[in-house]
Every structure is written in structure tokens, then in C-alpha cells.
Amino acid sequence: MEQAFARVGIKTAEQLREIGTDAAYAKLLANGARPHFIAYYVIEMGLQGRPWNDCKGKEKDALRKRFDAIKARTAPAPLAGIEKILDQIGVVERP
């Protein structure tokens, strides 16, 4: 995560706290990171000083809605056809 954040200009924990989970994760997605819900809520739990697996129930459901909204407006369009197959075997480089 540290390397991924550094690639999008978030180089310190203070910067991550300042920008917040949603904006930071949107930056990752906009720069080609693949969406992954667990990674998203791990960031949120970390910023709250909580264990990553402390997220449960209604709180987790609410975070899932936030994640889905960020993903819908930020992530690149999914690949289709041959590009999808090539991506699955690691041949296509994602933007």
C-alpha cells in the first residue's frame, strides 16, 4: 500500500489522514489500481486506529456502499473480450 500511495503522491501517513479514505482510494483507482473492497476498508480501519478485521455488520455494509460508489465513478471500465482474457493471464498492462 505504501508504494501504491507513493505513486499517486500520498507519501506520508499525515497526507493519508488529511485526504481521507475515500479520496485516497479514488486516487489509487484513477491511477490503475484494481478495486478491492478489503484494501479499502483496511485503510479506513487503519485511519481509525482499529484492527483491519474489526469492521463488521452495518458498518461494513455502509463501507461497501461507499466503496461501490467510489469504484463506479473512478475505476477504469472493465475489460471485455480478448482484452479481459489477456489481462487475466497477465499480458495486458492496465492504465
N, C-alpha and C. Protein backbone atom coordinates (compact mmCIF):
# COMPACT_ATOMS: atom_id res chain seq x y z
N MET A 1 0.83 -1.19 0.00
CA MET A 1 0.00 0.00 0.00
C MET A 1 0.87 1.25 0.00
N GLU A 2 1.97 1.20 0.74
CA GLU A 2 2.84 2.37 0.81
C GLU A 2 3.33 2.76 -0.59
N GLN A 3 3.74 1.77 -1.39
CA GLN A 3 4.22 2.05 -2.74
C GLN A 3 3.10 2.56 -3.64
N ALA A 4 1.92 1.97 -3.53
CA ALA A 4 0.78 2.39 -4.34
C ALA A 4 0.42 3.84 -4.02
N PHE A 5 0.37 4.18 -2.74
CA PHE A 5 0.06 5.56 -2.36
C PHE A 5 1.16 6.52 -2.83
N ALA A 6 2.41 6.12 -2.72
CA ALA A 6 3.51 6.99 -3.16
C ALA A 6 3.38 7.30 -4.65
N ARG A 7 2.95 6.32 -5.45
CA ARG A 7 2.79 6.54 -6.89
C ARG A 7 1.73 7.59 -7.21
N VAL A 8 0.79 7.81 -6.29
CA VAL A 8 -0.27 8.81 -6.53
C VAL A 8 -0.03 10.08 -5.70
N GLY A 9 1.17 10.20 -5.13
CA GLY A 9 1.53 11.43 -4.43
C GLY A 9 1.21 11.48 -2.96
N ILE A 10 0.76 10.36 -2.40
CA ILE A 10 0.48 10.31 -0.96
C ILE A 10 1.66 9.58 -0.32
N LYS A 11 2.56 10.35 0.28
CA LYS A 11 3.83 9.77 0.74
C LYS A 11 3.97 9.64 2.24
N THR A 12 3.01 10.20 2.98
CA THR A 12 3.10 10.10 4.44
C THR A 12 1.74 9.73 5.03
N ALA A 13 1.78 9.21 6.23
CA ALA A 13 0.54 8.90 6.94
C ALA A 13 -0.27 10.17 7.18
N GLU A 14 0.40 11.28 7.41
CA GLU A 14 -0.30 12.54 7.63
C GLU A 14 -1.07 12.95 6.38
N GLN A 15 -0.46 12.78 5.22
CA GLN A 15 -1.16 13.10 3.97
C GLN A 15 -2.38 12.20 3.80
N LEU A 16 -2.23 10.93 4.13
CA LEU A 16 -3.35 9.99 4.02
C LEU A 16 -4.47 10.39 4.97
N ARG A 17 -4.13 10.73 6.20
CA ARG A 17 -5.16 11.17 7.16
C ARG A 17 -5.87 12.43 6.66
N GLU A 18 -5.09 13.34 6.11
CA GLU A 18 -5.65 14.61 5.64
C GLU A 18 -6.62 14.41 4.48
N ILE A 19 -6.26 13.57 3.53
CA ILE A 19 -7.10 13.37 2.36
C ILE A 19 -8.27 12.44 2.65
N GLY A 20 -8.08 11.49 3.56
CA GLY A 20 -9.14 10.57 3.94
C GLY A 20 -9.22 9.35 3.04
N THR A 21 -9.92 8.36 3.52
CA THR A 21 -10.01 7.07 2.84
C THR A 21 -10.59 7.19 1.44
N ASP A 22 -11.74 7.85 1.31
CA ASP A 22 -12.43 7.87 0.03
C ASP A 22 -11.62 8.56 -1.06
N ALA A 23 -11.10 9.73 -0.78
CA ALA A 23 -10.32 10.46 -1.78
C ALA A 23 -9.02 9.73 -2.11
N ALA A 24 -8.38 9.17 -1.09
CA ALA A 24 -7.13 8.43 -1.32
C ALA A 24 -7.39 7.20 -2.18
N TYR A 25 -8.45 6.47 -1.88
CA TYR A 25 -8.74 5.27 -2.65
C TYR A 25 -9.15 5.63 -4.07
N ALA A 26 -9.86 6.72 -4.24
CA ALA A 26 -10.23 7.18 -5.59
C ALA A 26 -8.98 7.50 -6.40
N LYS A 27 -7.97 8.08 -5.77
CA LYS A 27 -6.71 8.36 -6.47
C LYS A 27 -6.05 7.06 -6.93
N LEU A 28 -6.07 6.05 -6.07
CA LEU A 28 -5.49 4.76 -6.45
C LEU A 28 -6.20 4.20 -7.67
N LEU A 29 -7.53 4.19 -7.63
CA LEU A 29 -8.30 3.63 -8.74
C LEU A 29 -8.08 4.43 -10.02
N ALA A 30 -8.05 5.74 -9.91
CA ALA A 30 -7.86 6.59 -11.09
C ALA A 30 -6.50 6.37 -11.74
N ASN A 31 -5.57 5.85 -10.96
CA ASN A 31 -4.23 5.60 -11.49
C ASN A 31 -3.98 4.13 -11.78
N GLY A 32 -5.05 3.36 -11.94
CA GLY A 32 -4.92 1.99 -12.42
C GLY A 32 -4.97 0.88 -11.41
N ALA A 33 -5.08 1.18 -10.13
CA ALA A 33 -5.19 0.11 -9.13
C ALA A 33 -6.51 -0.63 -9.34
N ARG A 34 -6.48 -1.91 -9.15
CA ARG A 34 -7.70 -2.71 -9.27
C ARG A 34 -8.51 -2.58 -7.98
N PRO A 35 -9.81 -2.38 -8.11
CA PRO A 35 -10.66 -2.24 -6.92
C PRO A 35 -10.64 -3.51 -6.07
N HIS A 36 -10.51 -3.33 -4.78
CA HIS A 36 -10.53 -4.45 -3.84
C HIS A 36 -11.12 -3.96 -2.53
N PHE A 37 -12.29 -4.45 -2.19
CA PHE A 37 -13.01 -3.95 -1.02
C PHE A 37 -12.21 -4.08 0.27
N ILE A 38 -11.55 -5.20 0.46
CA ILE A 38 -10.80 -5.38 1.71
C ILE A 38 -9.71 -4.31 1.84
N ALA A 39 -9.01 -4.03 0.76
CA ALA A 39 -7.97 -2.99 0.81
C ALA A 39 -8.59 -1.65 1.21
N TYR A 40 -9.77 -1.37 0.68
CA TYR A 40 -10.45 -0.12 1.00
C TYR A 40 -10.77 -0.03 2.49
N TYR A 41 -11.40 -1.08 3.03
CA TYR A 41 -11.79 -0.94 4.43
C TYR A 41 -10.61 -1.10 5.38
N VAL A 42 -9.53 -1.73 4.94
CA VAL A 42 -8.31 -1.78 5.76
C VAL A 42 -7.76 -0.37 5.95
N ILE A 43 -7.82 0.43 4.89
CA ILE A 43 -7.37 1.83 5.01
C ILE A 43 -8.24 2.56 6.03
N GLU A 44 -9.55 2.41 5.92
CA GLU A 44 -10.47 3.07 6.85
C GLU A 44 -10.22 2.64 8.29
N MET A 45 -10.07 1.35 8.50
CA MET A 45 -9.82 0.86 9.87
C MET A 45 -8.48 1.38 10.38
N GLY A 46 -7.47 1.38 9.53
CA GLY A 46 -6.16 1.87 9.93
C GLY A 46 -6.20 3.33 10.34
N LEU A 47 -6.94 4.14 9.57
CA LEU A 47 -7.04 5.56 9.91
C LEU A 47 -7.79 5.78 11.21
N GLN A 48 -8.62 4.83 11.58
CA GLN A 48 -9.33 4.92 12.86
C GLN A 48 -8.53 4.27 14.01
N GLY A 49 -7.37 3.71 13.68
CA GLY A 49 -6.55 3.05 14.71
C GLY A 49 -7.13 1.73 15.17
N ARG A 50 -7.87 1.08 14.30
CA ARG A 50 -8.53 -0.18 14.64
C ARG A 50 -7.93 -1.33 13.84
N PRO A 51 -8.04 -2.56 14.36
CA PRO A 51 -7.57 -3.72 13.58
C PRO A 51 -8.37 -3.83 12.28
N TRP A 52 -7.71 -4.31 11.23
CA TRP A 52 -8.36 -4.38 9.92
C TRP A 52 -9.63 -5.22 9.94
N ASN A 53 -9.66 -6.24 10.77
CA ASN A 53 -10.81 -7.16 10.78
C ASN A 53 -11.88 -6.76 11.80
N ASP A 54 -11.81 -5.53 12.28
CA ASP A 54 -12.78 -5.03 13.25
C ASP A 54 -14.06 -4.54 12.58
N CYS A 55 -14.04 -4.45 11.27
CA CYS A 55 -15.17 -3.93 10.50
C CYS A 55 -16.20 -5.04 10.28
N LYS A 56 -17.41 -4.84 10.82
CA LYS A 56 -18.43 -5.88 10.74
C LYS A 56 -19.82 -5.27 10.63
N GLY A 57 -20.77 -6.10 10.26
CA GLY A 57 -22.18 -5.74 10.29
C GLY A 57 -22.54 -4.51 9.49
N LYS A 58 -23.36 -3.65 10.12
CA LYS A 58 -23.87 -2.45 9.45
C LYS A 58 -22.74 -1.51 9.03
N GLU A 59 -21.72 -1.43 9.84
CA GLU A 59 -20.59 -0.58 9.49
C GLU A 59 -19.94 -1.07 8.20
N LYS A 60 -19.74 -2.38 8.09
CA LYS A 60 -19.14 -2.94 6.89
C LYS A 60 -20.06 -2.74 5.68
N ASP A 61 -21.34 -2.89 5.89
CA ASP A 61 -22.31 -2.66 4.80
C ASP A 61 -22.24 -1.21 4.30
N ALA A 62 -22.12 -0.27 5.24
CA ALA A 62 -22.03 1.15 4.87
C ALA A 62 -20.74 1.43 4.11
N LEU A 63 -19.65 0.81 4.56
CA LEU A 63 -18.38 0.98 3.85
C LEU A 63 -18.46 0.38 2.45
N ARG A 64 -19.18 -0.73 2.32
CA ARG A 64 -19.32 -1.35 1.00
C ARG A 64 -20.04 -0.40 0.04
N LYS A 65 -21.04 0.30 0.53
CA LYS A 65 -21.76 1.26 -0.32
C LYS A 65 -20.84 2.40 -0.74
N ARG A 66 -20.04 2.89 0.19
CA ARG A 66 -19.08 3.94 -0.15
C ARG A 66 -18.08 3.44 -1.19
N PHE A 67 -17.56 2.24 -0.97
CA PHE A 67 -16.59 1.63 -1.90
C PHE A 67 -17.20 1.50 -3.29
N ASP A 68 -18.41 0.95 -3.36
CA ASP A 68 -19.07 0.75 -4.65
C ASP A 68 -19.26 2.09 -5.38
N ALA A 69 -19.61 3.14 -4.64
CA ALA A 69 -19.80 4.46 -5.25
C ALA A 69 -18.48 5.01 -5.80
N ILE A 70 -17.41 4.86 -5.03
CA ILE A 70 -16.09 5.31 -5.48
C ILE A 70 -15.68 4.53 -6.72
N LYS A 71 -15.86 3.25 -6.67
CA LYS A 71 -15.48 2.38 -7.79
C LYS A 71 -16.27 2.76 -9.05
N ALA A 72 -17.56 3.01 -8.90
CA ALA A 72 -18.41 3.32 -10.04
C ALA A 72 -18.00 4.62 -10.74
N ARG A 73 -17.54 5.59 -9.96
CA ARG A 73 -17.20 6.87 -10.60
C ARG A 73 -15.72 7.02 -10.92
N THR A 74 -14.87 6.09 -10.45
CA THR A 74 -13.43 6.29 -10.58
C THR A 74 -12.70 5.20 -11.35
N ALA A 75 -13.07 3.95 -11.14
CA ALA A 75 -12.31 2.84 -11.72
C ALA A 75 -12.45 2.83 -13.24
N PRO A 76 -11.39 2.40 -13.93
CA PRO A 76 -11.49 2.29 -15.38
C PRO A 76 -12.56 1.26 -15.76
N ALA A 77 -13.09 1.43 -16.94
CA ALA A 77 -14.10 0.49 -17.42
C ALA A 77 -13.51 -0.91 -17.47
N PRO A 78 -14.31 -1.92 -17.10
CA PRO A 78 -13.79 -3.28 -17.13
C PRO A 78 -13.45 -3.70 -18.56
N LEU A 79 -12.45 -4.54 -18.65
CA LEU A 79 -12.06 -5.05 -19.94
C LEU A 79 -13.08 -6.08 -20.41
N ALA A 80 -13.16 -6.24 -21.71
CA ALA A 80 -14.09 -7.22 -22.28
C ALA A 80 -13.37 -8.00 -23.38
N GLY A 81 -13.97 -9.10 -23.74
CA GLY A 81 -13.46 -9.90 -24.86
C GLY A 81 -12.04 -10.37 -24.65
N ILE A 82 -11.25 -10.29 -25.71
CA ILE A 82 -9.89 -10.79 -25.69
C ILE A 82 -9.02 -10.02 -24.70
N GLU A 83 -9.29 -8.70 -24.54
CA GLU A 83 -8.52 -7.92 -23.58
C GLU A 83 -8.69 -8.46 -22.16
N LYS A 84 -9.91 -8.88 -21.83
CA LYS A 84 -10.17 -9.44 -20.50
C LYS A 84 -9.37 -10.73 -20.30
N ILE A 85 -9.36 -11.57 -21.29
CA ILE A 85 -8.63 -12.85 -21.21
C ILE A 85 -7.13 -12.58 -21.10
N LEU A 86 -6.62 -11.68 -21.91
CA LEU A 86 -5.20 -11.35 -21.85
C LEU A 86 -4.82 -10.75 -20.50
N ASP A 87 -5.70 -9.93 -19.94
CA ASP A 87 -5.46 -9.35 -18.63
C ASP A 87 -5.41 -10.44 -17.55
N GLN A 88 -6.29 -11.42 -17.63
CA GLN A 88 -6.34 -12.48 -16.64
C GLN A 88 -5.05 -13.31 -16.62
N ILE A 89 -4.40 -13.41 -17.76
CA ILE A 89 -3.15 -14.17 -17.79
C ILE A 89 -1.92 -13.27 -17.68
N GLY A 90 -2.18 -11.97 -17.48
CA GLY A 90 -1.09 -11.03 -17.21
C GLY A 90 -0.40 -10.45 -18.42
N VAL A 91 -1.07 -10.47 -19.57
CA VAL A 91 -0.45 -9.96 -20.80
C VAL A 91 -0.76 -8.49 -21.03
N VAL A 92 -1.95 -8.04 -20.66
CA VAL A 92 -2.36 -6.66 -20.88
C VAL A 92 -1.95 -5.81 -19.69
N GLU A 93 -1.28 -4.70 -20.00
CA GLU A 93 -0.93 -3.77 -18.93
C GLU A 93 -2.06 -2.79 -18.75
N ARG A 94 -2.59 -2.72 -17.54
CA ARG A 94 -3.69 -1.81 -17.25
C ARG A 94 -3.15 -0.39 -17.17
N PRO A 95 -3.97 0.60 -17.56
CA PRO A 95 -3.54 2.00 -17.46
C PRO A 95 -3.33 2.41 -16.03
